[in-house]
Amino acid sequence: TSYVVWAALVLILVLAAFLRLYLLGGQSLWADEMSSLVTALKPVPRLLHDISNEIHPPLYHLTLKAWIQLFGTTEAGIRSLSALCGIVLVGLTYLIGAQLFDRRVGLLSAALSAIAPFQVYYSQEARMYMPLAMVGAIAVYAFIRFVGQEDAGLAASRGCWLWGALYVLANGLGLWLHYSYPIVLVMENVVYGL
């Protein structure tokens, strides 16, 4: 049955990739995407200076700057960062569902995530929303694993510390991606408190 689960997950990820990559460069960049590109094309000191006057932290634009060095400035090239994050998010959705419930719930969650119009749409947009969702899912998964280790009496174990470190790192990245990220932190702390 383990092979069936992994085969199903691979098929779900292939579907997710197809939906996110299909016609990725089919439309011209719209205003916010063009703003992302223009900001990412600036030299780093200028980018950091200019971004300080905007409403978003600099991590997405710095990441996009590195990304376009590899994949170019075409519509598909700059949107492919979000598409990749969207595909990874589907895999993380499986991991969260399987960790909280079981593999079947994980697969169902991943399948719904793969075809969710909202996720497909934002996976094809050169903005920080899919990287933000991916980092948030990493933080949530690390949080679940950390609490699980702690509940099992393994708080001093190396695994617990590694999950804790990943949790802190992912949340730090989230804060540098979007100013609304503290909502995720509040949710995690409320759950932990309960």
Protein backbone atom coordinates (compact mmCIF):
# COMPACT_ATOMS: atom_id res chain seq x y z
CA THR A 1 0.00 0.00 0.00
CA SER A 2 2.96 2.33 0.52
CA TYR A 3 3.75 2.14 -3.20
CA VAL A 4 0.14 2.96 -4.06
CA VAL A 5 0.23 6.04 -1.82
CA TRP A 6 3.48 7.28 -3.35
CA ALA A 7 2.23 6.58 -6.88
CA ALA A 8 -0.97 8.50 -6.13
CA LEU A 9 1.02 11.40 -4.69
CA VAL A 10 3.26 11.51 -7.77
CA LEU A 11 0.18 11.61 -10.02
CA ILE A 12 -1.30 14.42 -7.93
CA LEU A 13 1.95 16.39 -8.16
CA VAL A 14 2.10 15.83 -11.93
CA LEU A 15 -1.47 17.15 -12.20
CA ALA A 16 -0.54 20.13 -10.02
CA ALA A 17 2.50 20.84 -12.19
CA PHE A 18 0.46 20.59 -15.39
CA LEU A 19 -2.22 22.98 -14.12
CA ARG A 20 0.35 25.49 -12.86
CA LEU A 21 2.61 25.39 -15.90
CA TYR A 22 -0.09 25.26 -18.60
CA LEU A 23 -0.07 28.56 -20.49
CA LEU A 24 2.18 30.07 -17.81
CA GLY A 25 3.37 32.73 -20.24
CA GLY A 26 0.06 33.00 -22.10
CA GLN A 27 -0.86 36.43 -20.81
CA SER A 28 1.14 39.62 -20.60
CA LEU A 29 2.34 40.79 -17.22
CA TRP A 30 -0.18 42.93 -15.40
CA ALA A 31 0.72 46.02 -13.33
CA ASP A 32 1.69 44.32 -10.05
CA GLU A 33 3.72 41.65 -11.84
CA MET A 34 5.51 44.32 -13.85
CA SER A 35 6.24 46.13 -10.60
CA SER A 36 7.80 42.91 -9.22
CA LEU A 37 9.96 42.56 -12.32
CA VAL A 38 11.07 46.20 -12.41
CA THR A 39 12.03 46.04 -8.72
CA ALA A 40 13.89 42.74 -9.18
CA LEU A 41 15.91 44.15 -12.08
CA LYS A 42 17.42 46.91 -9.94
CA PRO A 43 20.88 46.57 -8.37
CA VAL A 44 20.57 45.15 -4.84
CA PRO A 45 21.41 48.40 -2.96
CA ARG A 46 18.86 50.33 -5.04
CA LEU A 47 16.31 47.51 -4.69
CA LEU A 48 16.65 47.55 -0.88
CA HIS A 49 16.40 51.34 -0.79
CA ASP A 50 13.34 51.49 -3.04
CA ILE A 51 11.55 48.57 -1.38
CA SER A 52 11.76 50.36 1.96
CA ASN A 53 9.20 52.80 0.56
CA GLU A 54 6.81 50.04 -0.52
CA ILE A 55 4.33 47.95 1.44
CA HIS A 56 6.16 44.62 1.07
CA PRO A 57 9.35 43.30 2.70
CA PRO A 58 12.30 42.63 0.33
CA LEU A 59 12.68 38.82 0.35
CA TYR A 60 10.41 38.07 -2.62
CA HIS A 61 12.06 40.69 -4.82
CA LEU A 62 15.55 39.49 -3.88
CA THR A 63 14.54 35.89 -4.60
CA LEU A 64 12.96 36.91 -7.91
CA LYS A 65 16.16 38.78 -8.79
CA ALA A 66 18.18 35.57 -8.39
CA TRP A 67 15.47 33.53 -10.13
CA ILE A 68 15.40 35.65 -13.29
CA GLN A 69 19.16 35.27 -13.59
CA LEU A 70 18.47 31.57 -14.23
CA PHE A 71 15.09 31.61 -15.97
CA GLY A 72 14.94 34.97 -17.71
CA THR A 73 12.46 37.81 -17.80
CA THR A 74 9.78 36.29 -19.99
CA GLU A 75 6.30 35.96 -18.54
CA ALA A 76 6.83 32.22 -18.02
CA GLY A 77 10.30 32.78 -16.62
CA ILE A 78 9.30 35.13 -13.86
CA ARG A 79 6.05 33.30 -13.08
CA SER A 80 7.80 29.95 -12.80
CA LEU A 81 9.00 30.81 -9.28
CA SER A 82 5.40 31.01 -8.09
CA ALA A 83 4.50 27.88 -10.08
CA LEU A 84 7.27 25.90 -8.39
CA CYS A 85 6.17 27.14 -4.96
CA GLY A 86 2.59 26.14 -5.81
CA ILE A 87 3.67 22.61 -6.71
CA VAL A 88 5.71 22.31 -3.50
CA LEU A 89 2.68 23.58 -1.56
CA VAL A 90 0.64 20.64 -2.86
CA GLY A 91 3.29 18.23 -1.53
CA LEU A 92 3.35 20.03 1.81
CA THR A 93 -0.44 19.81 1.98
CA TYR A 94 -0.09 16.02 1.70
CA LEU A 95 2.49 15.96 4.50
CA ILE A 96 0.34 18.09 6.81
CA GLY A 97 -2.80 16.01 6.17
CA ALA A 98 -0.93 12.73 6.60
CA GLN A 99 0.75 13.93 9.79
CA LEU A 100 -2.46 15.22 11.39
CA PHE A 101 -4.72 12.37 10.25
CA ASP A 102 -3.52 9.65 7.86
CA ARG A 103 -2.23 9.11 4.33
CA ARG A 104 -5.70 9.02 2.78
CA VAL A 105 -6.54 12.43 4.24
CA GLY A 106 -3.13 13.64 3.05
CA LEU A 107 -3.83 12.44 -0.49
CA LEU A 108 -7.32 13.94 -0.54
CA SER A 109 -5.97 17.24 0.78
CA ALA A 110 -3.19 17.27 -1.82
CA ALA A 111 -5.64 16.44 -4.62
CA LEU A 112 -7.94 19.28 -3.60
CA SER A 113 -4.95 21.59 -3.30
CA ALA A 114 -3.74 20.57 -6.77
CA ILE A 115 -6.99 21.57 -8.46
CA ALA A 116 -8.01 24.51 -6.25
CA PRO A 117 -8.63 27.44 -8.65
CA PHE A 118 -7.33 29.97 -6.12
CA GLN A 119 -4.02 28.12 -5.80
CA VAL A 120 -3.66 27.56 -9.54
CA TYR A 121 -4.34 31.24 -10.22
CA TYR A 122 -1.78 32.54 -7.72
CA SER A 123 0.74 29.92 -8.85
CA GLN A 124 0.67 31.66 -12.23
CA GLU A 125 1.26 35.15 -10.89
CA ALA A 126 4.66 36.76 -10.39
CA ARG A 127 3.92 37.96 -6.87
CA MET A 128 4.86 36.81 -3.38
CA TYR A 129 1.62 34.99 -2.56
CA MET A 130 2.60 31.42 -3.49
CA PRO A 131 6.08 31.67 -1.92
CA LEU A 132 4.32 33.03 1.17
CA ALA A 133 1.83 30.14 1.24
CA MET A 134 4.64 27.62 0.76
CA VAL A 135 6.74 29.08 3.59
CA GLY A 136 3.64 29.18 5.80
CA ALA A 137 2.97 25.49 5.07
CA ILE A 138 6.60 24.63 5.90
CA ALA A 139 6.21 26.46 9.21
CA VAL A 140 2.93 24.69 9.99
CA TYR A 141 4.40 21.27 9.15
CA ALA A 142 7.50 21.95 11.25
CA PHE A 143 5.24 23.15 14.08
CA ILE A 144 3.18 19.93 13.93
CA ARG A 145 6.31 17.78 13.97
CA PHE A 146 7.86 19.82 16.80
CA VAL A 147 4.74 19.57 18.97
CA GLY A 148 4.50 15.84 18.19
CA GLN A 149 8.08 15.30 19.35
CA GLU A 150 7.44 17.39 22.44
CA ASP A 151 4.23 15.49 23.27
CA ALA A 152 6.10 12.19 22.89
CA GLY A 153 8.54 13.30 25.57
CA LEU A 154 11.31 13.90 23.07
CA ALA A 155 11.69 17.64 23.71
CA ALA A 156 15.44 17.30 24.22
CA SER A 157 15.93 15.10 21.14
CA ARG A 158 17.85 16.21 18.08
CA GLY A 159 14.75 15.76 15.91
CA CYS A 160 12.75 18.11 18.10
CA TRP A 161 15.45 20.75 17.87
CA LEU A 162 15.68 20.38 14.08
CA TRP A 163 11.91 20.78 13.68
CA GLY A 164 12.05 23.77 16.00
CA ALA A 165 14.85 25.33 13.97
CA LEU A 166 12.95 24.78 10.71
CA TYR A 167 9.87 26.33 12.33
CA VAL A 168 11.82 29.45 13.35
CA LEU A 169 13.54 29.71 9.94
CA ALA A 170 10.28 29.36 7.97
CA ASN A 171 8.51 31.92 10.15
CA GLY A 172 11.43 34.31 9.75
CA LEU A 173 11.24 33.95 5.98
CA GLY A 174 7.48 34.49 6.11
CA LEU A 175 7.95 37.76 7.95
CA TRP A 176 10.35 38.90 5.21
CA LEU A 177 7.89 37.92 2.46
CA HIS A 178 4.72 39.72 3.53
CA TYR A 179 3.60 41.92 6.39
CA SER A 180 0.41 39.87 6.88
CA TYR A 181 2.45 36.82 7.90
CA PRO A 182 1.98 37.44 11.66
CA ILE A 183 -1.51 36.00 11.17
CA VAL A 184 0.17 32.58 10.74
CA LEU A 185 2.22 33.15 13.89
CA VAL A 186 -0.88 34.04 15.89
CA MET A 187 -2.66 30.91 14.65
CA GLU A 188 0.31 28.69 15.55
CA ASN A 189 0.52 30.17 19.04
CA VAL A 190 -3.22 29.84 19.65
CA VAL A 191 -3.07 26.17 18.62
CA TYR A 192 -0.02 25.58 20.80
CA GLY A 193 -1.73 27.29 23.75
CA LEU A 194 -4.79 25.09 23.35
